[in-house]
N, C-alpha and C. Protein backbone atom coordinates (compact mmCIF):
# COMPACT_ATOMS: atom_id res chain seq x y z
N MET A 1 -18.86 22.49 -6.91
CA MET A 1 -16.72 22.91 -6.62
C MET A 1 -16.39 22.34 -7.49
N THR A 2 -14.60 22.97 -7.70
CA THR A 2 -13.91 21.99 -7.99
C THR A 2 -12.45 22.00 -7.58
N VAL A 3 -11.79 21.01 -7.00
CA VAL A 3 -10.93 20.91 -6.09
C VAL A 3 -9.96 20.86 -7.10
N ARG A 4 -8.55 21.54 -7.19
CA ARG A 4 -7.69 20.81 -7.65
C ARG A 4 -6.21 20.37 -7.00
N LEU A 5 -6.14 18.67 -7.75
CA LEU A 5 -4.45 18.81 -7.11
C LEU A 5 -3.62 18.65 -8.22
N GLN A 6 -2.81 19.00 -7.84
CA GLN A 6 -1.91 19.48 -8.85
C GLN A 6 -0.34 18.23 -8.57
N ARG A 7 -0.37 17.44 -9.32
CA ARG A 7 0.70 15.99 -8.76
C ARG A 7 2.19 16.60 -9.02
N LEU A 8 3.17 17.07 -8.15
CA LEU A 8 4.26 17.52 -8.54
C LEU A 8 5.18 16.61 -8.61
N GLU A 9 5.42 15.19 -8.44
CA GLU A 9 6.82 14.33 -8.11
C GLU A 9 6.15 13.39 -7.86
N SER A 10 6.93 11.96 -8.82
CA SER A 10 6.22 10.95 -8.58
C SER A 10 7.35 9.73 -8.80
N SER A 11 7.74 9.15 -7.84
CA SER A 11 8.83 8.14 -7.68
C SER A 11 8.40 6.91 -6.84
N ASP A 12 9.38 6.22 -6.62
CA ASP A 12 9.14 4.61 -6.25
C ASP A 12 8.72 5.04 -4.63
N GLU A 13 8.76 6.15 -4.24
CA GLU A 13 8.62 6.42 -2.92
C GLU A 13 6.85 7.05 -2.52
N GLY A 14 6.34 7.85 -3.79
CA GLY A 14 5.19 7.95 -3.76
C GLY A 14 4.96 8.81 -5.22
N THR A 15 3.24 9.09 -5.46
CA THR A 15 3.22 10.58 -5.94
C THR A 15 2.76 12.00 -5.28
N PHE A 16 2.98 12.45 -5.29
CA PHE A 16 2.95 14.30 -4.22
C PHE A 16 2.83 14.71 -4.50
N GLY A 17 1.70 16.06 -4.63
CA GLY A 17 1.35 16.70 -4.89
C GLY A 17 0.73 18.09 -4.17
N VAL A 18 -0.27 19.00 -4.13
CA VAL A 18 -0.72 19.91 -3.86
C VAL A 18 -2.07 20.19 -4.05
N ILE A 19 -3.17 20.52 -2.76
CA ILE A 19 -4.25 21.04 -3.61
C ILE A 19 -4.43 22.84 -2.51
N LYS A 20 -5.03 23.12 -3.24
CA LYS A 20 -4.87 25.06 -2.55
C LYS A 20 -6.83 25.28 -2.51
N ILE A 21 -7.90 25.88 -2.05
CA ILE A 21 -9.10 25.50 -1.71
C ILE A 21 -8.50 26.90 -0.66
N ASN A 22 -9.25 28.43 -1.39
CA ASN A 22 -8.96 29.13 -0.49
C ASN A 22 -7.43 30.00 -0.21
N LYS A 23 -7.27 29.72 1.31
CA LYS A 23 -6.52 30.13 1.72
C LYS A 23 -5.81 28.25 2.13
N LEU A 24 -6.43 27.84 2.34
CA LEU A 24 -6.19 26.32 2.57
C LEU A 24 -5.46 25.84 1.68
N ILE A 25 -3.58 24.92 2.03
CA ILE A 25 -2.94 24.30 1.27
C ILE A 25 -2.45 23.31 1.59
N LEU A 26 -2.68 22.29 1.48
CA LEU A 26 -2.18 21.08 1.55
C LEU A 26 -2.32 19.94 0.37
N PHE A 27 -1.05 18.78 0.89
CA PHE A 27 0.09 18.49 0.35
C PHE A 27 -0.94 16.95 0.09
N THR A 28 -0.89 16.33 -0.94
CA THR A 28 -1.47 15.02 -1.30
C THR A 28 -0.35 13.80 -1.23
N GLY A 29 -0.60 12.49 -0.57
CA GLY A 29 0.31 11.43 -1.09
C GLY A 29 -0.51 10.42 -1.81
N GLU A 30 -0.16 9.61 -2.64
CA GLU A 30 -0.99 8.87 -3.50
C GLU A 30 0.37 7.74 -4.00
N LEU A 31 0.03 6.74 -4.09
CA LEU A 31 0.82 5.27 -4.75
C LEU A 31 1.60 5.62 -6.04
N PRO A 32 2.82 5.23 -5.90
CA PRO A 32 3.44 5.79 -7.12
C PRO A 32 2.49 5.26 -8.46
N ARG A 33 3.46 5.66 -9.82
CA ARG A 33 2.57 5.99 -11.08
C ARG A 33 2.58 4.35 -10.91
N ARG A 34 1.94 3.57 -11.22
CA ARG A 34 2.16 2.07 -12.21
C ARG A 34 0.63 1.43 -12.85
N GLU A 35 0.14 2.73 -13.97
CA GLU A 35 -0.14 2.36 -15.18
C GLU A 35 -2.01 2.05 -14.82
N ASN A 36 -2.34 2.61 -13.34
CA ASN A 36 -3.68 2.81 -12.89
C ASN A 36 -3.95 1.46 -12.22
N ARG A 37 -2.88 -0.38 -11.46
CA ARG A 37 -3.59 -1.35 -11.33
C ARG A 37 -3.78 -0.56 -9.57
N SER A 38 -4.72 -1.88 -9.57
CA SER A 38 -5.18 -1.83 -8.06
C SER A 38 -4.66 -1.87 -7.08
N ASN A 39 -4.79 -1.13 -5.65
CA ASN A 39 -3.94 -1.73 -4.99
C ASN A 39 -2.52 -1.32 -4.62
N ILE A 40 -1.49 -0.74 -6.15
CA ILE A 40 0.27 -0.98 -6.41
C ILE A 40 0.09 1.08 -7.36
N SER A 41 -1.11 1.39 -7.23
CA SER A 41 -0.83 2.88 -8.09
C SER A 41 -1.51 3.88 -8.04
N CYS A 42 -1.40 4.80 -8.04
CA CYS A 42 -2.75 6.24 -8.04
C CYS A 42 -3.24 6.08 -8.85
N ILE A 43 -4.75 6.94 -9.22
CA ILE A 43 -5.49 6.81 -9.58
C ILE A 43 -4.85 7.99 -11.38
N PRO A 44 -5.49 7.44 -12.74
CA PRO A 44 -5.26 8.50 -13.36
C PRO A 44 -5.23 9.82 -13.36
N ALA A 45 -4.57 11.00 -13.92
CA ALA A 45 -5.36 12.60 -14.25
C ALA A 45 -6.56 12.43 -14.62
N GLY A 46 -6.97 13.38 -14.45
CA GLY A 46 -8.93 13.93 -14.47
C GLY A 46 -9.19 14.02 -13.77
N ILE A 47 -10.94 13.98 -14.03
CA ILE A 47 -11.88 14.62 -13.01
C ILE A 47 -12.61 13.69 -12.94
N TYR A 48 -12.90 13.94 -11.64
CA TYR A 48 -13.66 12.37 -10.77
C TYR A 48 -14.60 13.49 -10.07
N LYS A 49 -16.02 12.52 -9.87
CA LYS A 49 -16.92 13.23 -8.42
C LYS A 49 -16.60 13.06 -7.45
N CYS A 50 -16.92 13.68 -6.64
CA CYS A 50 -16.43 12.77 -5.32
C CYS A 50 -18.06 13.30 -3.97
N ARG A 51 -18.10 12.51 -3.25
CA ARG A 51 -19.19 12.28 -3.07
C ARG A 51 -19.19 12.14 -1.16
N TRP A 52 -19.42 12.55 -0.78
CA TRP A 52 -19.99 12.08 1.35
C TRP A 52 -20.64 10.57 1.00
N THR A 53 -19.59 9.52 1.58
CA THR A 53 -19.92 8.62 1.55
C THR A 53 -19.63 7.22 2.86
N TYR A 54 -20.60 6.96 2.90
CA TYR A 54 -19.83 6.02 4.61
C TYR A 54 -18.98 4.67 4.06
N SER A 55 -18.37 4.99 4.47
CA SER A 55 -17.44 3.69 4.39
C SER A 55 -16.90 2.24 5.47
N ASN A 56 -17.90 1.60 4.74
CA ASN A 56 -17.38 0.38 6.00
C ASN A 56 -16.06 -0.35 6.72
N ARG A 57 -15.10 -0.10 5.75
CA ARG A 57 -14.06 -0.29 6.09
C ARG A 57 -13.53 0.61 7.07
N PHE A 58 -13.61 1.88 6.90
CA PHE A 58 -13.55 3.13 8.52
C PHE A 58 -14.00 3.78 9.18
N LYS A 59 -15.34 3.23 8.65
CA LYS A 59 -16.50 2.94 10.07
C LYS A 59 -17.37 4.53 10.00
N ARG A 60 -16.97 5.42 8.81
CA ARG A 60 -17.08 6.99 9.29
C ARG A 60 -17.59 7.14 7.88
N LYS A 61 -17.91 8.25 8.09
CA LYS A 61 -18.70 9.08 6.14
C LYS A 61 -16.83 9.75 5.93
N MET A 62 -16.00 9.18 4.42
CA MET A 62 -15.72 10.13 4.25
C MET A 62 -16.14 10.74 2.94
N PHE A 63 -15.03 11.10 1.82
CA PHE A 63 -15.10 11.60 0.36
C PHE A 63 -14.76 10.18 -0.50
N LEU A 64 -15.77 10.14 -0.66
CA LEU A 64 -15.47 8.58 -2.12
C LEU A 64 -14.79 9.37 -3.69
N VAL A 65 -13.98 9.03 -4.52
CA VAL A 65 -13.74 9.68 -5.41
C VAL A 65 -14.11 8.52 -6.32
N ASP A 66 -15.60 9.03 -7.17
CA ASP A 66 -16.23 8.47 -7.71
C ASP A 66 -15.79 8.13 -9.80
N GLY A 67 -15.02 7.45 -10.29
CA GLY A 67 -15.69 6.79 -11.62
C GLY A 67 -14.20 7.06 -12.15
N VAL A 68 -13.36 6.68 -11.34
CA VAL A 68 -12.63 6.09 -11.90
C VAL A 68 -12.34 4.72 -12.95
N PRO A 69 -11.45 5.20 -14.13
CA PRO A 69 -11.80 3.86 -14.42
C PRO A 69 -10.85 2.75 -13.79
N ASP A 70 -11.69 1.71 -14.00
CA ASP A 70 -11.26 0.01 -13.38
C ASP A 70 -10.98 -0.05 -11.98
N ARG A 71 -11.69 0.85 -11.71
CA ARG A 71 -11.29 1.32 -9.92
C ARG A 71 -12.62 1.27 -9.29
N ALA A 72 -12.64 0.94 -7.22
CA ALA A 72 -13.38 1.21 -6.98
C ALA A 72 -12.91 1.41 -5.96
N GLY A 73 -13.84 2.58 -4.69
CA GLY A 73 -13.18 2.17 -3.38
C GLY A 73 -12.21 3.67 -2.50
N ILE A 74 -12.00 4.14 -4.36
CA ILE A 74 -10.86 5.17 -3.78
C ILE A 74 -11.46 6.25 -3.17
N ARG A 75 -10.56 7.00 -1.51
CA ARG A 75 -11.11 7.64 -0.60
C ARG A 75 -9.80 8.49 -0.06
N ILE A 76 -10.58 9.90 -0.02
CA ILE A 76 -10.15 10.70 0.33
C ILE A 76 -9.50 10.35 2.33
N HIS A 77 -8.21 9.91 2.50
CA HIS A 77 -8.39 9.76 3.91
C HIS A 77 -7.12 9.68 4.45
N ALA A 78 -6.84 10.08 6.18
CA ALA A 78 -5.28 9.97 6.79
C ALA A 78 -4.67 9.06 6.04
N ALA A 79 -2.96 9.05 5.68
CA ALA A 79 -1.77 8.31 5.89
C ALA A 79 -0.65 9.05 6.15
N ASN A 80 0.37 8.46 5.70
CA ASN A 80 1.46 8.93 5.88
C ASN A 80 2.77 8.97 4.55
N LEU A 81 2.53 7.47 5.10
CA LEU A 81 3.05 6.02 3.81
C LEU A 81 2.69 6.08 2.43
N MET A 82 3.07 6.56 1.25
CA MET A 82 2.57 5.78 -0.09
C MET A 82 3.71 5.19 -1.13
N GLY A 83 4.55 4.41 -0.86
CA GLY A 83 5.87 3.48 -1.29
C GLY A 83 5.45 2.13 -2.13
N ASP A 84 6.63 2.17 -2.80
CA ASP A 84 6.15 0.20 -3.51
C ASP A 84 6.63 -0.08 -2.79
N VAL A 85 5.55 -1.49 -1.94
CA VAL A 85 6.24 -2.12 -1.76
C VAL A 85 6.96 -3.07 -2.09
N THR A 86 6.38 -3.73 -3.01
CA THR A 86 7.47 -4.45 -3.84
C THR A 86 8.99 -3.96 -3.69
N LEU A 87 8.78 -2.67 -3.57
CA LEU A 87 10.14 -2.63 -3.70
C LEU A 87 11.37 -2.18 -2.07
N GLY A 88 10.16 -2.35 -1.41
CA GLY A 88 10.76 -2.20 0.24
C GLY A 88 10.32 -1.16 0.92
N TYR A 89 9.12 -0.52 0.17
CA TYR A 89 8.99 1.16 1.02
C TYR A 89 7.81 0.64 1.41
N LYS A 90 7.37 1.44 2.62
CA LYS A 90 6.45 1.15 3.33
C LYS A 90 4.50 1.61 2.47
N ALA A 91 3.95 1.48 3.04
CA ALA A 91 2.28 1.99 2.20
C ALA A 91 1.79 1.98 3.67
N GLN A 92 0.89 2.92 3.38
CA GLN A 92 -0.53 3.00 4.25
C GLN A 92 -1.64 3.25 3.08
N LEU A 93 -1.79 3.12 2.37
CA LEU A 93 -2.43 3.73 1.02
C LEU A 93 -2.38 2.24 0.43
N ASN A 94 -3.95 1.81 -0.44
CA ASN A 94 -4.36 1.04 -1.44
C ASN A 94 -4.75 1.51 -2.87
N GLY A 95 -4.51 2.91 -2.98
CA GLY A 95 -4.93 3.40 -3.83
C GLY A 95 -5.77 4.75 -3.54
N CYS A 96 -5.85 5.01 -2.43
CA CYS A 96 -6.36 6.18 -2.40
C CYS A 96 -5.75 7.81 -2.05
N ILE A 97 -6.55 8.52 -1.92
CA ILE A 97 -5.90 9.63 -1.63
C ILE A 97 -5.27 10.07 0.01
N ALA A 98 -4.58 10.48 0.07
CA ALA A 98 -3.76 10.70 1.33
C ALA A 98 -3.65 12.84 1.20
N LEU A 99 -3.99 12.97 2.21
CA LEU A 99 -3.87 14.69 2.90
C LEU A 99 -3.25 14.47 3.90
N GLY A 100 -1.93 15.88 3.74
CA GLY A 100 -1.15 16.45 5.28
C GLY A 100 -0.82 17.62 5.05
N GLU A 101 -0.65 18.06 5.99
CA GLU A 101 -0.64 19.70 6.40
C GLU A 101 1.17 20.31 5.51
N LYS A 102 1.79 19.22 5.52
CA LYS A 102 3.28 19.55 5.13
C LYS A 102 3.81 18.09 4.60
N LEU A 103 4.95 18.29 3.64
CA LEU A 103 6.01 16.77 3.37
C LEU A 103 7.04 16.79 3.81
N GLY A 104 7.60 15.74 4.34
CA GLY A 104 8.80 15.54 5.14
C GLY A 104 9.28 14.02 4.92
N SER A 105 9.58 13.24 5.79
CA SER A 105 9.88 11.91 5.45
C SER A 105 9.78 11.33 7.22
N ILE A 106 9.01 9.93 6.88
CA ILE A 106 9.53 9.46 8.27
C ILE A 106 10.19 8.03 7.70
N ASP A 107 11.44 7.87 8.61
CA ASP A 107 12.15 6.76 8.75
C ASP A 107 12.95 6.67 7.51
N GLY A 108 13.46 7.83 6.61
CA GLY A 108 14.01 8.00 5.69
C GLY A 108 12.69 8.01 3.90
N GLN A 109 12.00 7.55 4.32
CA GLN A 109 11.18 7.73 3.28
C GLN A 109 10.03 8.70 3.30
N LYS A 110 9.81 9.51 2.06
CA LYS A 110 9.64 10.45 1.60
C LYS A 110 8.13 10.02 2.20
N ALA A 111 7.24 11.07 2.93
CA ALA A 111 5.53 11.09 3.49
C ALA A 111 4.98 12.31 3.46
N VAL A 112 3.98 12.51 3.46
CA VAL A 112 2.92 13.60 3.67
C VAL A 112 2.69 13.61 5.41
N LEU A 113 2.39 14.85 5.98
CA LEU A 113 3.01 14.62 7.72
C LEU A 113 1.96 15.30 8.22
N LEU A 114 1.57 15.18 9.20
CA LEU A 114 0.54 15.53 9.97
C LEU A 114 -1.23 15.32 9.14
N SER A 115 -1.52 14.20 8.76
CA SER A 115 -2.40 13.48 8.05
C SER A 115 -3.84 13.68 8.71
N VAL A 116 -3.88 13.23 9.65
CA VAL A 116 -5.15 13.63 10.66
C VAL A 116 -5.53 14.95 10.74
N PRO A 117 -4.40 15.95 11.05
CA PRO A 117 -5.25 17.06 11.26
C PRO A 117 -5.62 18.08 9.61
N ALA A 118 -4.97 17.25 8.03
CA ALA A 118 -5.51 18.39 7.43
C ALA A 118 -6.76 17.47 6.62
N ILE A 119 -7.38 16.33 7.30
CA ILE A 119 -8.02 15.41 6.87
C ILE A 119 -9.58 16.49 7.80
N ARG A 120 -9.33 16.46 8.71
CA ARG A 120 -10.32 17.32 9.56
C ARG A 120 -10.34 18.31 8.78
N LYS A 121 -9.35 19.41 8.48
CA LYS A 121 -9.81 20.70 8.11
C LYS A 121 -10.31 20.56 6.65
N PHE A 122 -10.07 19.75 5.64
CA PHE A 122 -10.43 19.21 4.74
C PHE A 122 -11.75 19.05 4.53
N GLU A 123 -12.34 18.66 5.43
CA GLU A 123 -13.75 17.74 5.55
C GLU A 123 -14.59 18.78 6.39
N LYS A 124 -13.93 19.48 7.11
CA LYS A 124 -14.67 20.63 7.91
C LYS A 124 -14.60 21.96 6.59
N LEU A 125 -14.24 22.20 5.94
CA LEU A 125 -13.96 22.78 5.08
C LEU A 125 -15.19 22.82 3.92
N MET A 126 -15.14 21.53 3.29
CA MET A 126 -16.26 20.90 2.27
C MET A 126 -17.41 20.74 2.39
N GLY A 127 -17.91 20.41 4.02
CA GLY A 127 -18.92 20.47 4.34
C GLY A 127 -20.07 19.05 4.49
N GLY A 128 -19.41 18.11 3.41
CA GLY A 128 -19.74 17.35 3.33
C GLY A 128 -20.49 17.33 1.69
N LYS A 129 -19.67 18.38 1.21
CA LYS A 129 -20.40 18.89 -0.17
C LYS A 129 -19.87 18.28 -1.47
N PRO A 130 -20.63 17.27 -2.24
CA PRO A 130 -19.82 16.69 -3.62
C PRO A 130 -19.10 17.99 -3.82
N PHE A 131 -18.39 17.73 -4.67
CA PHE A 131 -17.18 18.65 -5.34
C PHE A 131 -16.70 17.71 -6.82
N GLU A 132 -15.87 18.46 -7.36
CA GLU A 132 -15.43 17.85 -8.30
C GLU A 132 -14.27 17.94 -7.94
N LEU A 133 -13.33 16.95 -8.31
CA LEU A 133 -11.37 16.83 -8.15
C LEU A 133 -10.86 16.54 -9.77
N GLU A 134 -10.28 17.61 -10.26
CA GLU A 134 -9.27 17.77 -11.10
C GLU A 134 -7.41 17.59 -10.63
N ILE A 135 -7.25 16.30 -11.27
CA ILE A 135 -5.94 15.98 -10.91
C ILE A 135 -5.72 15.79 -12.11
N THR A 136 -4.42 16.97 -11.99
CA THR A 136 -2.88 17.37 -12.93
C THR A 136 -1.95 17.04 -12.82
N TYR A 137 -1.19 16.77 -13.65
CA TYR A 137 0.56 16.94 -13.42
C TYR A 137 1.21 18.33 -14.09
N ALA A 138 2.47 18.82 -13.37
CA ALA A 138 2.82 19.88 -13.31
C ALA A 138 3.41 20.29 -14.56
């Protein structure tokens, strides 16, 4: 199965997109585009294999985005804020991909909202099965 993430916009507040799988529509949040630099950038557009693996950091199984050039440990998990912290924005990601049920703002910063329910829906739908993640720009 291929899951398509279409990035819609990127700014200092984060990179935001959408995933549509059957009737499920989820929004994505990632760090701003910063040339694929670890801990401050979203990953490059491309096709990646995703596997259901145990995360020592999160102490549970979740999807790992595998094969990202010069990066490791990229996960799909819950988070709301993904701005450039060097510019005073808040971030709850270190290069991973967050899912949300809608886009909005928190304390005046663009955010993905209802992230935990979105992750639950996504993980239930995917059933722990591996998939390809295709990331493109609109």
